[in-house]
C-alpha atoms as a PDB file:
ATOM      1  CA  UNK A   1      58.586 103.380 131.465  1.00  0.00           C
ATOM      2  CA  UNK A   2      60.371 100.703 133.516  1.00  0.00           C
ATOM      3  CA  UNK A   3      59.761  98.188 130.730  1.00  0.00           C
ATOM      4  CA  UNK A   4      61.337 100.563 128.167  1.00  0.00           C
ATOM      5  CA  UNK A   5      64.388 101.051 130.415  1.00  0.00           C
ATOM      6  CA  UNK A   6      64.720  97.298 130.830  1.00  0.00           C
ATOM      7  CA  UNK A   7      64.621  96.783 127.037  1.00  0.00           C
ATOM      8  CA  UNK A   8      67.305  99.429 126.544  1.00  0.00           C
ATOM      9  CA  UNK A   9      69.510  97.762 129.151  1.00  0.00           C
ATOM     10  CA  UNK A  10      69.078  94.318 127.563  1.00  0.00           C
ATOM     11  CA  UNK A  11      69.931  95.636 124.109  1.00  0.00           C
ATOM     12  CA  UNK A  12      72.956  97.479 125.523  1.00  0.00           C
ATOM     13  CA  UNK A  13      74.229  94.292 127.194  1.00  0.00           C
ATOM     14  CA  UNK A  14      73.842  92.325 123.914  1.00  0.00           C
ATOM     15  CA  UNK A  15      75.785  94.936 121.980  1.00  0.00           C
ATOM     16  CA  UNK A  16      78.603  94.898 124.547  1.00  0.00           C
ATOM     17  CA  UNK A  17      78.735  91.110 124.436  1.00  0.00           C
ATOM     18  CA  UNK A  18      79.072  90.971 120.626  1.00  0.00           C
ATOM     19  CA  UNK A  19      81.621  93.786 120.685  1.00  0.00           C
ATOM     20  CA  UNK A  20      83.889  91.758 123.008  1.00  0.00           C
ATOM     21  CA  UNK A  21      83.420  88.633 120.845  1.00  0.00           C
ATOM     22  CA  UNK A  22      84.412  90.550 117.710  1.00  0.00           C
ATOM     23  CA  UNK A  23      87.467  92.027 119.452  1.00  0.00           C
ATOM     24  CA  UNK A  24      88.618  88.566 120.576  1.00  0.00           C
ATOM     25  CA  UNK A  25      88.130  87.168 117.043  1.00  0.00           C
ATOM     26  CA  UNK A  26      90.076  90.021 115.444  1.00  0.00           C
ATOM     27  CA  UNK A  27      93.000  89.595 117.836  1.00  0.00           C
ATOM     28  CA  UNK A  28      93.092  85.904 116.898  1.00  0.00           C
ATOM     29  CA  UNK A  29      93.591  86.648 113.205  1.00  0.00           C
ATOM     30  CA  UNK A  30      97.086  86.513 111.707  1.00  0.00           C
ATOM     31  CA  UNK A  31      98.591  89.758 110.445  1.00  0.00           C
ATOM     32  CA  UNK A  32      98.149  89.609 106.621  1.00  0.00           C
ATOM     33  CA  UNK A  33     101.178  91.803 106.059  1.00  0.00           C
ATOM     34  CA  UNK A  34     103.381  89.419 107.967  1.00  0.00           C
ATOM     35  CA  UNK A  35     101.950  86.494 105.988  1.00  0.00           C
ATOM     36  CA  UNK A  36     102.898  88.240 102.745  1.00  0.00           C
ATOM     37  CA  UNK A  37     106.506  88.445 103.908  1.00  0.00           C
ATOM     38  CA  UNK A  38     106.841  84.718 103.669  1.00  0.00           C
ATOM     39  CA  UNK A  39     108.792  84.063 100.470  1.00  0.00           C
ATOM     40  CA  UNK A  40     109.030  80.320 100.368  1.00  0.00           C
ATOM     41  CA  UNK A  41     107.249  77.808  98.208  1.00  0.00           C
ATOM     42  CA  UNK A  42     105.161  76.589 101.184  1.00  0.00           C
ATOM     43  CA  UNK A  43     103.592  80.047 101.421  1.00  0.00           C
ATOM     44  CA  UNK A  44     101.780  79.603  98.114  1.00  0.00           C
ATOM     45  CA  UNK A  45      98.300  78.173  97.662  1.00  0.00           C
ATOM     46  CA  UNK A  46      98.125  74.549  98.707  1.00  0.00           C
ATOM     47  CA  UNK A  47      96.835  71.953  96.221  1.00  0.00           C
ATOM     48  CA  UNK A  48      96.037  68.262  96.418  1.00  0.00           C
ATOM     49  CA  UNK A  49      96.771  67.182  92.871  1.00  0.00           C
ATOM     50  CA  UNK A  50      99.383  64.588  92.009  1.00  0.00           C
ATOM     51  CA  UNK A  51     102.560  65.279  90.021  1.00  0.00           C
ATOM     52  CA  UNK A  52     102.337  63.820  86.498  1.00  0.00           C
ATOM     53  CA  UNK A  53     105.673  63.040  84.842  1.00  0.00           C
ATOM     54  CA  UNK A  54     105.973  64.291  81.258  1.00  0.00           C
ATOM     55  CA  UNK A  55     109.470  62.840  80.848  1.00  0.00           C
ATOM     56  CA  UNK A  56     109.550  59.082  81.373  1.00  0.00           C
ATOM     57  CA  UNK A  57     113.311  58.881  81.833  1.00  0.00           C
ATOM     58  CA  UNK A  58     113.756  56.515  78.870  1.00  0.00           C
ATOM     59  CA  UNK A  59     112.840  58.310  75.655  1.00  0.00           C
ATOM     60  CA  UNK A  60     111.188  61.441  74.237  1.00  0.00           C
ATOM     61  CA  UNK A  61     107.702  60.006  73.785  1.00  0.00           C
ATOM     62  CA  UNK A  62     105.239  62.895  73.649  1.00  0.00           C
ATOM     63  CA  UNK A  63     107.937  65.435  72.805  1.00  0.00           C
ATOM     64  CA  UNK A  64     108.879  67.077  69.530  1.00  0.00           C
ATOM     65  CA  UNK A  65     111.784  69.189  68.332  1.00  0.00           C
ATOM     66  CA  UNK A  66     111.257  72.592  66.704  1.00  0.00           C
ATOM     67  CA  UNK A  67     114.154  74.465  65.138  1.00  0.00           C
ATOM     68  CA  UNK A  68     117.823  73.529  64.753  1.00  0.00           C
ATOM     69  CA  UNK A  69     119.652  70.938  66.854  1.00  0.00           C
ATOM     70  CA  UNK A  70     118.200  67.982  68.642  1.00  0.00           C
ATOM     71  CA  UNK A  71     117.508  66.402  72.016  1.00  0.00           C
ATOM     72  CA  UNK A  72     118.134  62.819  73.156  1.00  0.00           C
ATOM     73  CA  UNK A  73     118.017  60.732  76.303  1.00  0.00           C
ATOM     74  CA  UNK A  74     121.159  59.341  77.962  1.00  0.00           C
ATOM     75  CA  UNK A  75     121.617  58.064  81.528  1.00  0.00           C
ATOM     76  CA  UNK A  76     118.036  59.035  82.317  1.00  0.00           C
ATOM     77  CA  UNK A  77     118.601  62.682  81.357  1.00  0.00           C
ATOM     78  CA  UNK A  78     117.419  64.824  78.459  1.00  0.00           C
ATOM     79  CA  UNK A  79     120.497  66.173  76.681  1.00  0.00           C
ATOM     80  CA  UNK A  80     120.961  68.197  73.522  1.00  0.00           C
ATOM     81  CA  UNK A  81     123.065  68.841  70.448  1.00  0.00           C
ATOM     82  CA  UNK A  82     123.374  72.171  68.644  1.00  0.00           C
ATOM     83  CA  UNK A  83     120.725  74.839  68.455  1.00  0.00           C
ATOM     84  CA  UNK A  84     119.003  77.151  68.777  1.00  0.00           C
ATOM     85  CA  UNK A  85     115.959  74.945  69.056  1.00  0.00           C
ATOM     86  CA  UNK A  86     113.107  73.898  71.341  1.00  0.00           C
ATOM     87  CA  UNK A  87     111.803  70.563  72.577  1.00  0.00           C
ATOM     88  CA  UNK A  88     108.083  70.915  73.381  1.00  0.00           C
ATOM     89  CA  UNK A  89     105.345  68.703  74.800  1.00  0.00           C
ATOM     90  CA  UNK A  90     102.883  68.023  72.023  1.00  0.00           C
ATOM     91  CA  UNK A  91      99.833  66.528  73.762  1.00  0.00           C
ATOM     92  CA  UNK A  92      98.232  69.557  75.384  1.00  0.00           C
ATOM     93  CA  UNK A  93      98.432  73.114  76.585  1.00  0.00           C
ATOM     94  CA  UNK A  94      98.931  73.939  80.251  1.00  0.00           C
ATOM     95  CA  UNK A  95      97.526  76.612  82.583  1.00  0.00           C
ATOM     96  CA  UNK A  96      96.281  76.763  86.185  1.00  0.00           C
ATOM     97  CA  UNK A  97      98.950  74.314  87.208  1.00  0.00           C
ATOM     98  CA  UNK A  98     102.471  73.949  88.622  1.00  0.00           C
ATOM     99  CA  UNK A  99     105.352  72.801  86.480  1.00  0.00           C
ATOM    100  CA  UNK A 100     108.381  71.275  88.135  1.00  0.00           C
ATOM    101  CA  UNK A 101     111.737  71.173  86.259  1.00  0.00           C
ATOM    102  CA  UNK A 102     114.864  69.593  87.721  1.00  0.00           C
ATOM    103  CA  UNK A 103     118.010  70.458  85.767  1.00  0.00           C
ATOM    104  CA  UNK A 104     121.753  71.078  85.930  1.00  0.00           C
ATOM    105  CA  UNK A 105     124.256  72.811  83.747  1.00  0.00           C
ATOM    106  CA  UNK A 106     126.858  70.580  82.082  1.00  0.00           C
ATOM    107  CA  UNK A 107     129.615  73.125  82.773  1.00  0.00           C
ATOM    108  CA  UNK A 108     129.959  75.787  85.462  1.00  0.00           C
ATOM    109  CA  UNK A 109     127.857  78.262  83.419  1.00  0.00           C
ATOM    110  CA  UNK A 110     125.435  77.321  80.631  1.00  0.00           C
ATOM    111  CA  UNK A 111     122.548  79.109  78.987  1.00  0.00           C
ATOM    112  CA  UNK A 112     119.045  77.690  78.348  1.00  0.00           C
ATOM    113  CA  UNK A 113     115.416  78.284  79.233  1.00  0.00           C
ATOM    114  CA  UNK A 114     112.036  76.749  80.040  1.00  0.00           C
ATOM    115  CA  UNK A 115     109.192  78.011  77.851  1.00  0.00           C
ATOM    116  CA  UNK A 116     105.561  78.456  78.957  1.00  0.00           C
ATOM    117  CA  UNK A 117     102.363  80.010  77.545  1.00  0.00           C
ATOM    118  CA  UNK A 118     103.287  79.265  73.888  1.00  0.00           C
ATOM    119  CA  UNK A 119     100.026  79.994  72.030  1.00  0.00           C
ATOM    120  CA  UNK A 120     100.328  77.441  69.210  1.00  0.00           C
ATOM    121  CA  UNK A 121     102.540  74.483  68.339  1.00  0.00           C
ATOM    122  CA  UNK A 122     105.945  75.889  67.356  1.00  0.00           C
ATOM    123  CA  UNK A 123     107.505  75.147  63.996  1.00  0.00           C
ATOM    124  CA  UNK A 124     110.734  77.084  64.686  1.00  0.00           C
ATOM    125  CA  UNK A 125     112.574  78.456  67.714  1.00  0.00           C
ATOM    126  CA  UNK A 126     111.794  82.203  67.578  1.00  0.00           C
ATOM    127  CA  UNK A 127     108.012  82.120  67.800  1.00  0.00           C
ATOM    128  CA  UNK A 128     108.044  80.800  71.381  1.00  0.00           C
ATOM    129  CA  UNK A 129     110.517  83.554  72.335  1.00  0.00           C
ATOM    130  CA  UNK A 130     108.308  86.337  71.015  1.00  0.00           C
ATOM    131  CA  UNK A 131     104.857  84.958  71.832  1.00  0.00           C
ATOM    132  CA  UNK A 132     105.463  82.776  74.887  1.00  0.00           C
ATOM    133  CA  UNK A 133     107.503  83.376  78.044  1.00  0.00           C
ATOM    134  CA  UNK A 134     110.980  82.032  78.742  1.00  0.00           C
ATOM    135  CA  UNK A 135     111.954  81.239  82.323  1.00  0.00           C
ATOM    136  CA  UNK A 136     115.630  81.927  82.143  1.00  0.00           C
ATOM    137  CA  UNK A 137     118.465  79.507  83.022  1.00  0.00           C
ATOM    138  CA  UNK A 138     121.620  81.600  83.208  1.00  0.00           C
ATOM    139  CA  UNK A 139     123.389  82.577  86.439  1.00  0.00           C
ATOM    140  CA  UNK A 140     125.730  85.100  84.886  1.00  0.00           C
ATOM    141  CA  UNK A 141     123.922  87.213  82.289  1.00  0.00           C
ATOM    142  CA  UNK A 142     126.737  89.764  82.361  1.00  0.00           C
ATOM    143  CA  UNK A 143     128.732  87.401  80.120  1.00  0.00           C
ATOM    144  CA  UNK A 144     126.214  88.241  77.408  1.00  0.00           C
ATOM    145  CA  UNK A 145     126.292  91.943  78.407  1.00  0.00           C
ATOM    146  CA  UNK A 146     122.854  91.547  79.874  1.00  0.00           C
ATOM    147  CA  UNK A 147     121.460  92.856  83.162  1.00  0.00           C
ATOM    148  CA  UNK A 148     119.630  91.233  86.090  1.00  0.00           C
ATOM    149  CA  UNK A 149     116.400  91.021  84.071  1.00  0.00           C
ATOM    150  CA  UNK A 150     118.078  88.017  82.457  1.00  0.00           C
ATOM    151  CA  UNK A 151     118.988  86.070  85.577  1.00  0.00           C
ATOM    152  CA  UNK A 152     117.943  82.485  86.406  1.00  0.00           C
ATOM    153  CA  UNK A 153     114.245  82.258  87.323  1.00  0.00           C
ATOM    154  CA  UNK A 154     113.202  85.544  85.733  1.00  0.00           C
ATOM    155  CA  UNK A 155     110.795  85.851  82.804  1.00  0.00           C
ATOM    156  CA  UNK A 156     113.540  86.616  80.331  1.00  0.00           C
ATOM    157  CA  UNK A 157     114.105  90.406  80.028  1.00  0.00           C
ATOM    158  CA  UNK A 158     110.750  91.220  81.676  1.00  0.00           C
ATOM    159  CA  UNK A 159     111.192  90.717  85.424  1.00  0.00           C
ATOM    160  CA  UNK A 160     113.894  91.359  88.044  1.00  0.00           C
ATOM    161  CA  UNK A 161     114.786  88.512  90.395  1.00  0.00           C
ATOM    162  CA  UNK A 162     113.515  88.752  93.971  1.00  0.00           C
ATOM    163  CA  UNK A 163     116.351  86.351  94.910  1.00  0.00           C
ATOM    164  CA  UNK A 164     119.458  85.067  93.165  1.00  0.00           C
ATOM    165  CA  UNK A 165     119.616  81.402  94.154  1.00  0.00           C
ATOM    166  CA  UNK A 166     120.544  79.620  90.929  1.00  0.00           C
ATOM    167  CA  UNK A 167     123.345  77.055  91.402  1.00  0.00           C
ATOM    168  CA  UNK A 168     126.272  76.639  89.061  1.00  0.00           C
ATOM    169  CA  UNK A 169     126.924  73.371  87.274  1.00  0.00           C
ATOM    170  CA  UNK A 170     127.120  70.550  88.025  1.00  0.00           C
ATOM    171  CA  UNK A 171     124.785  71.156  91.011  1.00  0.00           C
ATOM    172  CA  UNK A 172     121.086  70.376  90.532  1.00  0.00           C
ATOM    173  CA  UNK A 173     118.449  73.120  90.464  1.00  0.00           C
ATOM    174  CA  UNK A 174     114.668  72.905  90.760  1.00  0.00           C
ATOM    175  CA  UNK A 175     112.147  75.241  89.149  1.00  0.00           C
ATOM    176  CA  UNK A 176     108.559  75.241  90.312  1.00  0.00           C
ATOM    177  CA  UNK A 177     106.542  77.447  87.969  1.00  0.00           C
ATOM    178  CA  UNK A 178     102.964  78.274  88.971  1.00  0.00           C
ATOM    179  CA  UNK A 179     100.534  79.344  86.273  1.00  0.00           C
ATOM    180  CA  UNK A 180      97.444  80.828  87.938  1.00  0.00           C
ATOM    181  CA  UNK A 181      95.295  82.563  85.388  1.00  0.00           C
ATOM    182  CA  UNK A 182      97.444  85.387  84.021  1.00  0.00           C
ATOM    183  CA  UNK A 183      99.815  85.252  87.006  1.00  0.00           C
ATOM    184  CA  UNK A 184     103.201  83.503  86.674  1.00  0.00           C
ATOM    185  CA  UNK A 185     105.185  82.677  89.844  1.00  0.00           C
ATOM    186  CA  UNK A 186     108.637  81.084  89.704  1.00  0.00           C
ATOM    187  CA  UNK A 187     110.453  79.417  92.549  1.00  0.00           C
ATOM    188  CA  UNK A 188     114.100  78.420  92.227  1.00  0.00           C
ATOM    189  CA  UNK A 189     115.364  75.929  94.761  1.00  0.00           C
ATOM    190  CA  UNK A 190     112.412  76.702  97.007  1.00  0.00           C
ATOM    191  CA  UNK A 191     112.650  80.522  97.011  1.00  0.00           C
ATOM    192  CA  UNK A 192     110.419  82.898  95.046  1.00  0.00           C
ATOM    193  CA  UNK A 193     112.292  84.665  92.257  1.00  0.00           C
ATOM    194  CA  UNK A 194     109.432  85.925  90.056  1.00  0.00           C
ATOM    195  CA  UNK A 195     105.832  86.953  90.674  1.00  0.00           C
ATOM    196  CA  UNK A 196     104.368  88.541  87.545  1.00  0.00           C
ATOM    197  CA  UNK A 197     100.807  89.230  86.422  1.00  0.00           C
ATOM    198  CA  UNK A 198      99.831  90.393  82.941  1.00  0.00           C
ATOM    199  CA  UNK A 199      99.746  94.170  82.906  1.00  0.00           C
ATOM    200  CA  UNK A 200     102.586  94.634  85.347  1.00  0.00           C
ATOM    201  CA  UNK A 201     105.178  97.176  84.124  1.00  0.00           C
ATOM    202  CA  UNK A 202     108.076  95.771  82.130  1.00  0.00           C
ATOM    203  CA  UNK A 203     111.231  97.436  80.721  1.00  0.00           C
ATOM    204  CA  UNK A 204     111.631  98.303  77.060  1.00  0.00           C
ATOM    205  CA  UNK A 205     113.467  95.921  74.766  1.00  0.00           C
ATOM    206  CA  UNK A 206     117.231  96.502  74.627  1.00  0.00           C
ATOM    207  CA  UNK A 207     118.423  93.682  72.337  1.00  0.00           C
ATOM    208  CA  UNK A 208     116.823  92.372  69.158  1.00  0.00           C
ATOM    209  CA  UNK A 209     116.879  88.825  70.552  1.00  0.00           C
ATOM    210  CA  UNK A 210     114.648  89.825  73.451  1.00  0.00           C
ATOM    211  CA  UNK A 211     110.946  88.902  73.258  1.00  0.00           C
ATOM    212  CA  UNK A 212     108.297  91.229  71.878  1.00  0.00           C
ATOM    213  CA  UNK A 213     106.218  92.816  74.630  1.00  0.00           C
ATOM    214  CA  UNK A 214     102.563  91.983  74.907  1.00  0.00           C
ATOM    215  CA  UNK A 215     100.065  89.637  76.602  1.00  0.00           C
ATOM    216  CA  UNK A 216     100.438  85.869  76.595  1.00  0.00           C
ATOM    217  CA  UNK A 217      97.617  83.294  76.816  1.00  0.00           C
ATOM    218  CA  UNK A 218      96.560  81.699  80.097  1.00  0.00           C
ATOM    219  CA  UNK A 219      96.998  78.263  78.480  1.00  0.00           C
ATOM    220  CA  UNK A 220      99.942  77.318  76.285  1.00  0.00           C
ATOM    221  CA  UNK A 221     102.443  74.725  75.228  1.00  0.00           C
ATOM    222  CA  UNK A 222     105.613  74.248  77.260  1.00  0.00           C
ATOM    223  CA  UNK A 223     109.148  73.381  76.199  1.00  0.00           C
ATOM    224  CA  UNK A 224     112.895  73.386  76.941  1.00  0.00           C
ATOM    225  CA  UNK A 225     115.576  75.150  74.891  1.00  0.00           C
ATOM    226  CA  UNK A 226     118.743  73.809  73.350  1.00  0.00           C
ATOM    227  CA  UNK A 227     120.665  77.069  73.086  1.00  0.00           C
ATOM    228  CA  UNK A 228     123.767  76.035  71.162  1.00  0.00           C
ATOM    229  CA  UNK A 229     126.587  73.470  71.073  1.00  0.00           C
ATOM    230  CA  UNK A 230     128.545  75.234  73.815  1.00  0.00           C
ATOM    231  CA  UNK A 231     125.652  75.752  76.277  1.00  0.00           C
ATOM    232  CA  UNK A 232     124.289  72.403  77.431  1.00  0.00           C
ATOM    233  CA  UNK A 233     121.765  71.853  80.219  1.00  0.00           C
ATOM    234  CA  UNK A 234     120.631  68.386  81.411  1.00  0.00           C
ATOM    235  CA  UNK A 235     117.029  67.839  82.476  1.00  0.00           C
ATOM    236  CA  UNK A 236     116.127  65.103  84.927  1.00  0.00           C
ATOM    237  CA  UNK A 237     112.453  65.816  85.636  1.00  0.00           C
ATOM    238  CA  UNK A 238     109.616  67.626  83.896  1.00  0.00           C
ATOM    239  CA  UNK A 239     106.293  67.205  85.699  1.00  0.00           C
ATOM    240  CA  UNK A 240     102.976  69.014  86.161  1.00  0.00           C
ATOM    241  CA  UNK A 241     100.375  69.278  88.884  1.00  0.00           C
ATOM    242  CA  UNK A 242      96.933  70.929  88.639  1.00  0.00           C
ATOM    243  CA  UNK A 243      95.899  73.808  90.816  1.00  0.00           C
ATOM    244  CA  UNK A 244      92.325  74.045  89.624  1.00  0.00           C
ATOM    245  CA  UNK A 245      92.467  72.808  86.051  1.00  0.00           C
ATOM    246  CA  UNK A 246      95.517  71.129  84.576  1.00  0.00           C
ATOM    247  CA  UNK A 247      95.051  71.394  80.834  1.00  0.00           C
ATOM    248  CA  UNK A 248      93.176  72.987  77.981  1.00  0.00           C
ATOM    249  CA  UNK A 249      93.153  71.474  74.498  1.00  0.00           C
END
């Protein structure tokens, strides 16, 4: 009987010991809800890949124009004539990566966009609009009688901005676009503006120039838009960095 009591006491002491250890460990954990409140680029998943420059600063090697207008390089910047067209990277499709775009508007307000998840090589400008995603460059969509679903850093007409931090020309802006599976996250000047995953609710189309609704591929071509002769945006950097995989041919 004494042996049984001793065993029970030992087991009880062991259970108490592990209970205190577990309590101490739990208190040491960070509050996940507080972590989610962080809305800066440093809060996203860290990666160790190197940035690869797609624009060499000298010419448009590796790039191709689709649709009206043209792009050219001057003073180390990609500039454009006319439109509406698209300059796209021809060598590969991108997914599971980060894309960094450094740009500025020529004038105080100019309209353009960065295109991602384009399923096939474009031959004209409207296919990427309807079957890819456009990350909008336009700080004042009300000029076009559009709402906040058309603001800088949103997926054009599909998402509302979590922050409005786009700078007017001639100040420089930086996009960092993260493609993580079917999730698309956009930072503008270091702050998160868009966080969208396929299947999230989106508004109905209002204008006929807005994209068709529907899923986009995890991997796709990327490009930059030349909107028209009066809306000019200069691009200084276009680079990519892998998260897990950088490309898919």
